[in-house]
Full PDB file with SEQRES, HELIX, SHEET, SSBOND, CRYST1, ORIGX, SCALE, CONECT and MASTER records, all heavy atoms in Angstrom:
SEQRES   1 A   29  ILE ASP HIS ALA PHE TRP ALA PRO ARG ARG GLU THR VAL          
SEQRES   2 A   29  ARG THR THR THR LEU PRO GLN GLN GLU ARG GLN LEU ARG          
SEQRES   3 A   29  THR VAL GLY                                                  
HELIX    1 AA1 ALA A    4  TRP A    6  5                                   3    
HELIX    2 AA2 ALA A    7  THR A   12  1                                   6    
HELIX    3 AA3 VAL A   13  THR A   17  3                                   5    
HELIX    4 AA4 LEU A   18  THR A   27  1                                  10    
CRYST1    1.000    1.000    1.000  90.00  90.00  90.00 P 1           1          
ORIGX1      1.000000  0.000000  0.000000        0.00000                         
ORIGX2      0.000000  1.000000  0.000000        0.00000                         
ORIGX3      0.000000  0.000000  1.000000        0.00000                         
SCALE1      1.000000  0.000000  0.000000        0.00000                         
SCALE2      0.000000  1.000000  0.000000        0.00000                         
SCALE3      0.000000  0.000000  1.000000        0.00000                         
ATOM      1  N   ILE A   1      13.831  -6.771  -2.686  1.00  0.00           N  
ATOM      2  CA  ILE A   1      13.008  -7.500  -1.724  1.00  0.00           C  
ATOM      3  C   ILE A   1      12.184  -8.476  -2.540  1.00  0.00           C  
ATOM      4  O   ILE A   1      11.160  -8.131  -3.116  1.00  0.00           O  
ATOM      5  CB  ILE A   1      12.091  -6.542  -0.924  1.00  0.00           C  
ATOM      6  CG1 ILE A   1      12.955  -5.532  -0.180  1.00  0.00           C  
ATOM      7  CG2 ILE A   1      11.214  -7.315   0.062  1.00  0.00           C  
ATOM      8  CD1 ILE A   1      12.174  -4.427   0.478  1.00  0.00           C  
ATOM      9  N   ASP A   2      12.680  -9.707  -2.621  1.00  0.00           N  
ATOM     10  CA  ASP A   2      12.038 -10.680  -3.495  1.00  0.00           C  
ATOM     11  C   ASP A   2      11.733 -12.007  -2.821  1.00  0.00           C  
ATOM     12  O   ASP A   2      11.284 -12.937  -3.469  1.00  0.00           O  
ATOM     13  CB  ASP A   2      12.894 -10.907  -4.751  1.00  0.00           C  
ATOM     14  CG  ASP A   2      14.319 -11.334  -4.427  1.00  0.00           C  
ATOM     15  OD1 ASP A   2      14.631 -11.553  -3.240  1.00  0.00           O  
ATOM     16  OD2 ASP A   2      15.119 -11.435  -5.358  1.00  0.00           O  
ATOM     17  N   HIS A   3      11.942 -12.088  -1.530  1.00  0.00           N  
ATOM     18  CA  HIS A   3      11.645 -13.325  -0.813  1.00  0.00           C  
ATOM     19  C   HIS A   3      10.133 -13.512  -0.735  1.00  0.00           C  
ATOM     20  O   HIS A   3       9.371 -12.557  -0.549  1.00  0.00           O  
ATOM     21  CB  HIS A   3      12.248 -13.266   0.584  1.00  0.00           C  
ATOM     22  CG  HIS A   3      12.266 -14.583   1.275  1.00  0.00           C  
ATOM     23  ND1 HIS A   3      11.148 -15.098   1.909  1.00  0.00           N  
ATOM     24  CD2 HIS A   3      13.242 -15.505   1.397  1.00  0.00           C  
ATOM     25  CE1 HIS A   3      11.445 -16.281   2.416  1.00  0.00           C  
ATOM     26  NE2 HIS A   3      12.695 -16.541   2.125  1.00  0.00           N  
ATOM     27  N   ALA A   4       9.669 -14.723  -0.879  1.00  0.00           N  
ATOM     28  CA  ALA A   4       8.218 -15.041  -0.863  1.00  0.00           C  
ATOM     29  C   ALA A   4       7.553 -14.600   0.426  1.00  0.00           C  
ATOM     30  O   ALA A   4       6.358 -14.287   0.427  1.00  0.00           O  
ATOM     31  CB  ALA A   4       7.996 -16.521  -1.092  1.00  0.00           C  
ATOM     32  N   PHE A   5       8.280 -14.553   1.532  1.00  0.00           N  
ATOM     33  CA  PHE A   5       7.710 -14.117   2.803  1.00  0.00           C  
ATOM     34  C   PHE A   5       7.104 -12.726   2.665  1.00  0.00           C  
ATOM     35  O   PHE A   5       6.062 -12.446   3.264  1.00  0.00           O  
ATOM     36  CB  PHE A   5       8.816 -14.105   3.859  1.00  0.00           C  
ATOM     37  CG  PHE A   5       8.383 -13.502   5.173  1.00  0.00           C  
ATOM     38  CD1 PHE A   5       7.684 -14.259   6.109  1.00  0.00           C  
ATOM     39  CD2 PHE A   5       8.657 -12.181   5.468  1.00  0.00           C  
ATOM     40  CE1 PHE A   5       7.276 -13.702   7.304  1.00  0.00           C  
ATOM     41  CE2 PHE A   5       8.276 -11.617   6.670  1.00  0.00           C  
ATOM     42  CZ  PHE A   5       7.577 -12.382   7.589  1.00  0.00           C  
ATOM     43  N   TRP A   6       7.725 -11.824   1.890  1.00  0.00           N  
ATOM     44  CA  TRP A   6       7.280 -10.440   1.793  1.00  0.00           C  
ATOM     45  C   TRP A   6       6.232 -10.220   0.711  1.00  0.00           C  
ATOM     46  O   TRP A   6       5.597  -9.166   0.675  1.00  0.00           O  
ATOM     47  CB  TRP A   6       8.473  -9.512   1.523  1.00  0.00           C  
ATOM     48  CG  TRP A   6       9.359  -9.422   2.705  1.00  0.00           C  
ATOM     49  CD1 TRP A   6      10.589  -9.999   2.856  1.00  0.00           C  
ATOM     50  CD2 TRP A   6       9.100  -8.758   3.927  1.00  0.00           C  
ATOM     51  NE1 TRP A   6      11.110  -9.729   4.079  1.00  0.00           N  
ATOM     52  CE2 TRP A   6      10.194  -8.942   4.762  1.00  0.00           C  
ATOM     53  CE3 TRP A   6       8.019  -8.016   4.407  1.00  0.00           C  
ATOM     54  CZ2 TRP A   6      10.257  -8.418   6.058  1.00  0.00           C  
ATOM     55  CZ3 TRP A   6       8.097  -7.479   5.670  1.00  0.00           C  
ATOM     56  CH2 TRP A   6       9.196  -7.691   6.490  1.00  0.00           C  
ATOM     57  N   ALA A   7       6.023 -11.138  -0.189  1.00  0.00           N  
ATOM     58  CA  ALA A   7       5.127 -10.947  -1.317  1.00  0.00           C  
ATOM     59  C   ALA A   7       3.699 -10.532  -0.896  1.00  0.00           C  
ATOM     60  O   ALA A   7       3.167  -9.561  -1.440  1.00  0.00           O  
ATOM     61  CB  ALA A   7       5.086 -12.175  -2.214  1.00  0.00           C  
ATOM     62  N   PRO A   8       3.037 -11.214   0.031  1.00  0.00           N  
ATOM     63  CA  PRO A   8       1.685 -10.801   0.408  1.00  0.00           C  
ATOM     64  C   PRO A   8       1.630  -9.399   1.009  1.00  0.00           C  
ATOM     65  O   PRO A   8       0.730  -8.613   0.729  1.00  0.00           O  
ATOM     66  CB  PRO A   8       1.239 -11.846   1.432  1.00  0.00           C  
ATOM     67  CG  PRO A   8       2.132 -13.008   1.249  1.00  0.00           C  
ATOM     68  CD  PRO A   8       3.441 -12.453   0.726  1.00  0.00           C  
ATOM     69  N   ARG A   9       2.610  -9.088   1.841  1.00  0.00           N  
ATOM     70  CA  ARG A   9       2.634  -7.757   2.459  1.00  0.00           C  
ATOM     71  C   ARG A   9       2.861  -6.667   1.408  1.00  0.00           C  
ATOM     72  O   ARG A   9       2.219  -5.625   1.442  1.00  0.00           O  
ATOM     73  CB  ARG A   9       3.745  -7.717   3.518  1.00  0.00           C  
ATOM     74  CG  ARG A   9       3.907  -6.394   4.173  1.00  0.00           C  
ATOM     75  CD  ARG A   9       2.698  -6.075   5.047  1.00  0.00           C  
ATOM     76  NE  ARG A   9       2.922  -4.802   5.710  1.00  0.00           N  
ATOM     77  CZ  ARG A   9       1.957  -3.950   5.987  1.00  0.00           C  
ATOM     78  NH1 ARG A   9       0.713  -4.262   5.719  1.00  0.00           N  
ATOM     79  NH2 ARG A   9       2.221  -2.830   6.570  1.00  0.00           N  
ATOM     80  N   ARG A  10       3.783  -6.887   0.499  1.00  0.00           N  
ATOM     81  CA  ARG A  10       4.046  -5.903  -0.555  1.00  0.00           C  
ATOM     82  C   ARG A  10       2.809  -5.703  -1.421  1.00  0.00           C  
ATOM     83  O   ARG A  10       2.485  -4.581  -1.803  1.00  0.00           O  
ATOM     84  CB  ARG A  10       5.235  -6.349  -1.411  1.00  0.00           C  
ATOM     85  CG  ARG A  10       6.557  -6.278  -0.644  1.00  0.00           C  
ATOM     86  CD  ARG A  10       7.720  -6.721  -1.459  1.00  0.00           C  
ATOM     87  NE  ARG A  10       7.887  -5.804  -2.558  1.00  0.00           N  
ATOM     88  CZ  ARG A  10       8.430  -6.117  -3.719  1.00  0.00           C  
ATOM     89  NH1 ARG A  10       8.860  -7.341  -3.949  1.00  0.00           N  
ATOM     90  NH2 ARG A  10       8.540  -5.225  -4.682  1.00  0.00           N  
ATOM     91  N   GLU A  11       2.092  -6.778  -1.714  1.00  0.00           N  
ATOM     92  CA  GLU A  11       0.871  -6.656  -2.518  1.00  0.00           C  
ATOM     93  C   GLU A  11      -0.198  -5.877  -1.783  1.00  0.00           C  
ATOM     94  O   GLU A  11      -0.883  -5.021  -2.364  1.00  0.00           O  
ATOM     95  CB  GLU A  11       0.357  -8.053  -2.890  1.00  0.00           C  
ATOM     96  CG  GLU A  11      -0.864  -8.047  -3.779  1.00  0.00           C  
ATOM     97  CD  GLU A  11      -0.615  -7.489  -5.155  1.00  0.00           C  
ATOM     98  OE1 GLU A  11       0.555  -7.274  -5.563  1.00  0.00           O  
ATOM     99  OE2 GLU A  11      -1.598  -7.231  -5.884  1.00  0.00           O  
ATOM    100  N   THR A  12      -0.360  -6.120  -0.488  1.00  0.00           N  
ATOM    101  CA  THR A  12      -1.322  -5.363   0.307  1.00  0.00           C  
ATOM    102  C   THR A  12      -0.994  -3.878   0.328  1.00  0.00           C  
ATOM    103  O   THR A  12      -1.851  -3.025   0.164  1.00  0.00           O  
ATOM    104  CB  THR A  12      -1.387  -5.904   1.734  1.00  0.00           C  
ATOM    105  OG1 THR A  12      -1.799  -7.273   1.708  1.00  0.00           O  
ATOM    106  CG2 THR A  12      -2.329  -5.106   2.611  1.00  0.00           C  
ATOM    107  N   VAL A  13       0.274  -3.572   0.540  1.00  0.00           N  
ATOM    108  CA  VAL A  13       0.700  -2.175   0.572  1.00  0.00           C  
ATOM    109  C   VAL A  13       0.449  -1.519  -0.791  1.00  0.00           C  
ATOM    110  O   VAL A  13      -0.088  -0.394  -0.865  1.00  0.00           O  
ATOM    111  CB  VAL A  13       2.184  -2.059   0.984  1.00  0.00           C  
ATOM    112  CG1 VAL A  13       2.714  -0.651   0.740  1.00  0.00           C  
ATOM    113  CG2 VAL A  13       2.349  -2.450   2.432  1.00  0.00           C  
ATOM    114  N   ARG A  14       0.780  -2.218  -1.873  1.00  0.00           N  
ATOM    115  CA  ARG A  14       0.611  -1.667  -3.220  1.00  0.00           C  
ATOM    116  C   ARG A  14      -0.852  -1.460  -3.585  1.00  0.00           C  
ATOM    117  O   ARG A  14      -1.216  -0.420  -4.144  1.00  0.00           O  
ATOM    118  CB  ARG A  14       1.283  -2.592  -4.251  1.00  0.00           C  
ATOM    119  CG  ARG A  14       1.270  -2.055  -5.671  1.00  0.00           C  
ATOM    120  CD  ARG A  14       1.906  -3.021  -6.640  1.00  0.00           C  
ATOM    121  NE  ARG A  14       1.104  -4.196  -6.860  1.00  0.00           N  
ATOM    122  CZ  ARG A  14       0.030  -4.230  -7.639  1.00  0.00           C  
ATOM    123  NH1 ARG A  14      -0.394  -3.158  -8.249  1.00  0.00           N  
ATOM    124  NH2 ARG A  14      -0.657  -5.358  -7.806  1.00  0.00           N  
ATOM    125  N   THR A  15      -1.705  -2.423  -3.266  1.00  0.00           N  
ATOM    126  CA  THR A  15      -3.094  -2.356  -3.745  1.00  0.00           C  
ATOM    127  C   THR A  15      -4.061  -1.711  -2.754  1.00  0.00           C  
ATOM    128  O   THR A  15      -5.127  -1.260  -3.174  1.00  0.00           O  
ATOM    129  CB  THR A  15      -3.602  -3.764  -4.069  1.00  0.00           C  
ATOM    130  OG1 THR A  15      -3.575  -4.572  -2.892  1.00  0.00           O  
ATOM    131  CG2 THR A  15      -2.772  -4.398  -5.167  1.00  0.00           C  
ATOM    132  N   THR A  16      -3.729  -1.663  -1.483  1.00  0.00           N  
ATOM    133  CA  THR A  16      -4.649  -1.179  -0.474  1.00  0.00           C  
ATOM    134  C   THR A  16      -4.102   0.003   0.327  1.00  0.00           C  
ATOM    135  O   THR A  16      -4.730   1.062   0.375  1.00  0.00           O  
ATOM    136  CB  THR A  16      -5.040  -2.316   0.498  1.00  0.00           C  
ATOM    137  OG1 THR A  16      -5.560  -3.416  -0.268  1.00  0.00           O  
ATOM    138  CG2 THR A  16      -6.087  -1.867   1.492  1.00  0.00           C  
ATOM    139  N   THR A  17      -2.974  -0.187   0.953  1.00  0.00           N  
ATOM    140  CA  THR A  17      -2.456   0.843   1.855  1.00  0.00           C  
ATOM    141  C   THR A  17      -2.113   2.129   1.145  1.00  0.00           C  
ATOM    142  O   THR A  17      -2.572   3.213   1.547  1.00  0.00           O  
ATOM    143  CB  THR A  17      -1.206   0.293   2.586  1.00  0.00           C  
ATOM    144  OG1 THR A  17      -1.546  -0.922   3.230  1.00  0.00           O  
ATOM    145  CG2 THR A  17      -0.702   1.297   3.620  1.00  0.00           C  
ATOM    146  N   LEU A  18      -1.311   2.070   0.093  1.00  0.00           N  
ATOM    147  CA  LEU A  18      -0.892   3.292  -0.594  1.00  0.00           C  
ATOM    148  C   LEU A  18      -2.069   4.045  -1.234  1.00  0.00           C  
ATOM    149  O   LEU A  18      -2.166   5.260  -1.076  1.00  0.00           O  
ATOM    150  CB  LEU A  18       0.183   2.991  -1.629  1.00  0.00           C  
ATOM    151  CG  LEU A  18       1.540   2.562  -1.024  1.00  0.00           C  
ATOM    152  CD1 LEU A  18       2.516   2.191  -2.130  1.00  0.00           C  
ATOM    153  CD2 LEU A  18       2.097   3.634  -0.130  1.00  0.00           C  
ATOM    154  N   PRO A  19      -2.987   3.362  -1.938  1.00  0.00           N  
ATOM    155  CA  PRO A  19      -4.143   4.106  -2.465  1.00  0.00           C  
ATOM    156  C   PRO A  19      -4.987   4.756  -1.368  1.00  0.00           C  
ATOM    157  O   PRO A  19      -5.463   5.884  -1.543  1.00  0.00           O  
ATOM    158  CB  PRO A  19      -4.958   3.027  -3.219  1.00  0.00           C  
ATOM    159  CG  PRO A  19      -3.945   2.000  -3.610  1.00  0.00           C  
ATOM    160  CD  PRO A  19      -2.967   1.982  -2.466  1.00  0.00           C  
ATOM    161  N   GLN A  20      -5.162   4.102  -0.234  1.00  0.00           N  
ATOM    162  CA  GLN A  20      -5.914   4.679   0.873  1.00  0.00           C  
ATOM    163  C   GLN A  20      -5.200   5.891   1.442  1.00  0.00           C  
ATOM    164  O   GLN A  20      -5.818   6.917   1.738  1.00  0.00           O  
ATOM    165  CB  GLN A  20      -6.183   3.649   1.955  1.00  0.00           C  
ATOM    166  CG  GLN A  20      -6.827   4.203   3.210  1.00  0.00           C  
ATOM    167  CD  GLN A  20      -8.123   4.952   2.948  1.00  0.00           C  
ATOM    168  OE1 GLN A  20      -8.850   4.661   1.996  1.00  0.00           O  
ATOM    169  NE2 GLN A  20      -8.446   5.919   3.776  1.00  0.00           N  
ATOM    170  N   GLN A  21      -3.911   5.804   1.602  1.00  0.00           N  
ATOM    171  CA  GLN A  21      -3.153   6.945   2.108  1.00  0.00           C  
ATOM    172  C   GLN A  21      -3.248   8.126   1.155  1.00  0.00           C  
ATOM    173  O   GLN A  21      -3.417   9.259   1.587  1.00  0.00           O  
ATOM    174  CB  GLN A  21      -1.685   6.562   2.318  1.00  0.00           C  
ATOM    175  CG  GLN A  21      -1.493   5.654   3.512  1.00  0.00           C  
ATOM    176  CD  GLN A  21      -0.048   5.222   3.674  1.00  0.00           C  
ATOM    177  OE1 GLN A  21       0.742   5.231   2.726  1.00  0.00           O  
ATOM    178  NE2 GLN A  21       0.304   4.834   4.881  1.00  0.00           N  
ATOM    179  N   GLU A  22      -3.169   7.865  -0.144  1.00  0.00           N  
ATOM    180  CA  GLU A  22      -3.293   8.954  -1.111  1.00  0.00           C  
ATOM    181  C   GLU A  22      -4.672   9.584  -1.028  1.00  0.00           C  
ATOM    182  O   GLU A  22      -4.797  10.823  -1.015  1.00  0.00           O  
ATOM    183  CB  GLU A  22      -3.041   8.451  -2.533  1.00  0.00           C  
ATOM    184  CG  GLU A  22      -3.180   9.569  -3.548  1.00  0.00           C  
ATOM    185  CD  GLU A  22      -3.069   9.100  -4.972  1.00  0.00           C  
ATOM    186  OE1 GLU A  22      -3.040   7.880  -5.236  1.00  0.00           O  
ATOM    187  OE2 GLU A  22      -3.036   9.973  -5.865  1.00  0.00           O  
ATOM    188  N   ARG A  23      -5.736   8.774  -0.951  1.00  0.00           N  
ATOM    189  CA  ARG A  23      -7.098   9.308  -0.843  1.00  0.00           C  
ATOM    190  C   ARG A  23      -7.224  10.200   0.392  1.00  0.00           C  
ATOM    191  O   ARG A  23      -7.789  11.289   0.338  1.00  0.00           O  
ATOM    192  CB  ARG A  23      -8.128   8.183  -0.788  1.00  0.00           C  
ATOM    193  CG  ARG A  23      -8.499   7.622  -2.139  1.00  0.00           C  
ATOM    194  CD  ARG A  23      -9.715   6.696  -2.041  1.00  0.00           C  
ATOM    195  NE  ARG A  23      -9.492   5.557  -1.190  1.00  0.00           N  
ATOM    196  CZ  ARG A  23      -8.923   4.395  -1.584  1.00  0.00           C  
ATOM    197  NH1 ARG A  23      -8.505   4.282  -2.804  1.00  0.00           N  
ATOM    198  NH2 ARG A  23      -8.778   3.420  -0.726  1.00  0.00           N  
ATOM    199  N   GLN A  24      -6.697   9.718   1.507  1.00  0.00           N  
ATOM    200  CA  GLN A  24      -6.808  10.481   2.748  1.00  0.00           C  
ATOM    201  C   GLN A  24      -6.034  11.805   2.662  1.00  0.00           C  
ATOM    202  O   GLN A  24      -6.519  12.848   3.074  1.00  0.00           O  
ATOM    203  CB  GLN A  24      -6.290   9.644   3.923  1.00  0.00           C  
ATOM    204  CG  GLN A  24      -6.475  10.291   5.264  1.00  0.00           C  
ATOM    205  CD  GLN A  24      -7.952  10.528   5.619  1.00  0.00           C  
ATOM    206  OE1 GLN A  24      -8.833   9.819   5.155  1.00  0.00           O  
ATOM    207  NE2 GLN A  24      -8.214  11.516   6.429  1.00  0.00           N  
ATOM    208  N   LEU A  25      -4.833  11.766   2.101  1.00  0.00           N  
ATOM    209  CA  LEU A  25      -4.045  12.985   1.967  1.00  0.00           C  
ATOM    210  C   LEU A  25      -4.713  13.993   1.043  1.00  0.00           C  
ATOM    211  O   LEU A  25      -4.667  15.195   1.248  1.00  0.00           O  
ATOM    212  CB  LEU A  25      -2.636  12.664   1.464  1.00  0.00           C  
ATOM    213  CG  LEU A  25      -1.747  11.925   2.479  1.00  0.00           C  
ATOM    214  CD1 LEU A  25      -0.467  11.464   1.801  1.00  0.00           C  
ATOM    215  CD2 LEU A  25      -1.429  12.795   3.673  1.00  0.00           C  
ATOM    216  N   ARG A  26      -5.366  13.492   0.004  1.00  0.00           N  
ATOM    217  CA  ARG A  26      -6.099  14.395  -0.905  1.00  0.00           C  
ATOM    218  C   ARG A  26      -7.340  14.963  -0.209  1.00  0.00           C  
ATOM    219  O   ARG A  26      -7.632  16.142  -0.346  1.00  0.00           O  
ATOM    220  CB  ARG A  26      -6.498  13.674  -2.191  1.00  0.00           C  
ATOM    221  CG  ARG A  26      -5.333  13.407  -3.107  1.00  0.00           C  
ATOM    222  CD  ARG A  26      -5.770  12.839  -4.435  1.00  0.00           C  
ATOM    223  NE  ARG A  26      -4.650  12.425  -5.230  1.00  0.00           N  
ATOM    224  CZ  ARG A  26      -3.828  13.228  -5.874  1.00  0.00           C  
ATOM    225  NH1 ARG A  26      -4.018  14.534  -5.817  1.00  0.00           N  
ATOM    226  NH2 ARG A  26      -2.816  12.763  -6.579  1.00  0.00           N  
ATOM    227  N   THR A  27      -8.047  14.119   0.550  1.00  0.00           N  
ATOM    228  CA  THR A  27      -9.272  14.544   1.215  1.00  0.00           C  
ATOM    229  C   THR A  27      -9.016  15.682   2.196  1.00  0.00           C  
ATOM    230  O   THR A  27      -9.771  16.658   2.250  1.00  0.00           O  
ATOM    231  CB  THR A  27      -9.916  13.358   1.974  1.00  0.00           C  
ATOM    232  OG1 THR A  27     -10.254  12.351   1.020  1.00  0.00           O  
ATOM    233  CG2 THR A  27     -11.151  13.766   2.728  1.00  0.00           C  
ATOM    234  N   VAL A  28      -7.956  15.592   2.960  1.00  0.00           N  
ATOM    235  CA  VAL A  28      -7.670  16.605   3.967  1.00  0.00           C  
ATOM    236  C   VAL A  28      -6.802  17.744   3.445  1.00  0.00           C  
ATOM    237  O   VAL A  28      -6.511  18.670   4.174  1.00  0.00           O  
ATOM    238  CB  VAL A  28      -7.047  15.998   5.239  1.00  0.00           C  
ATOM    239  CG1 VAL A  28      -8.004  15.000   5.870  1.00  0.00           C  
ATOM    240  CG2 VAL A  28      -5.698  15.372   4.963  1.00  0.00           C  
ATOM    241  N   GLY A  29      -6.394  17.664   2.186  1.00  0.00           N  
ATOM    242  CA  GLY A  29      -5.666  18.769   1.568  1.00  0.00           C  
ATOM    243  C   GLY A  29      -4.154  18.737   1.741  1.00  0.00           C  
ATOM    244  O   GLY A  29      -3.482  19.691   1.383  1.00  0.00           O  
TER     245      GLY A  29                                                      
MASTER        0    0    0    4    0    0    0    6  244    1    0    3          
END                                                                             
């Protein structure tokens, strides 16, 4: 997945979405 259309979304998922999901999963056990 290397088209420029997806670059901003992939960056958001990598830097924001995934870390937040991990924090939430750890918080609730």
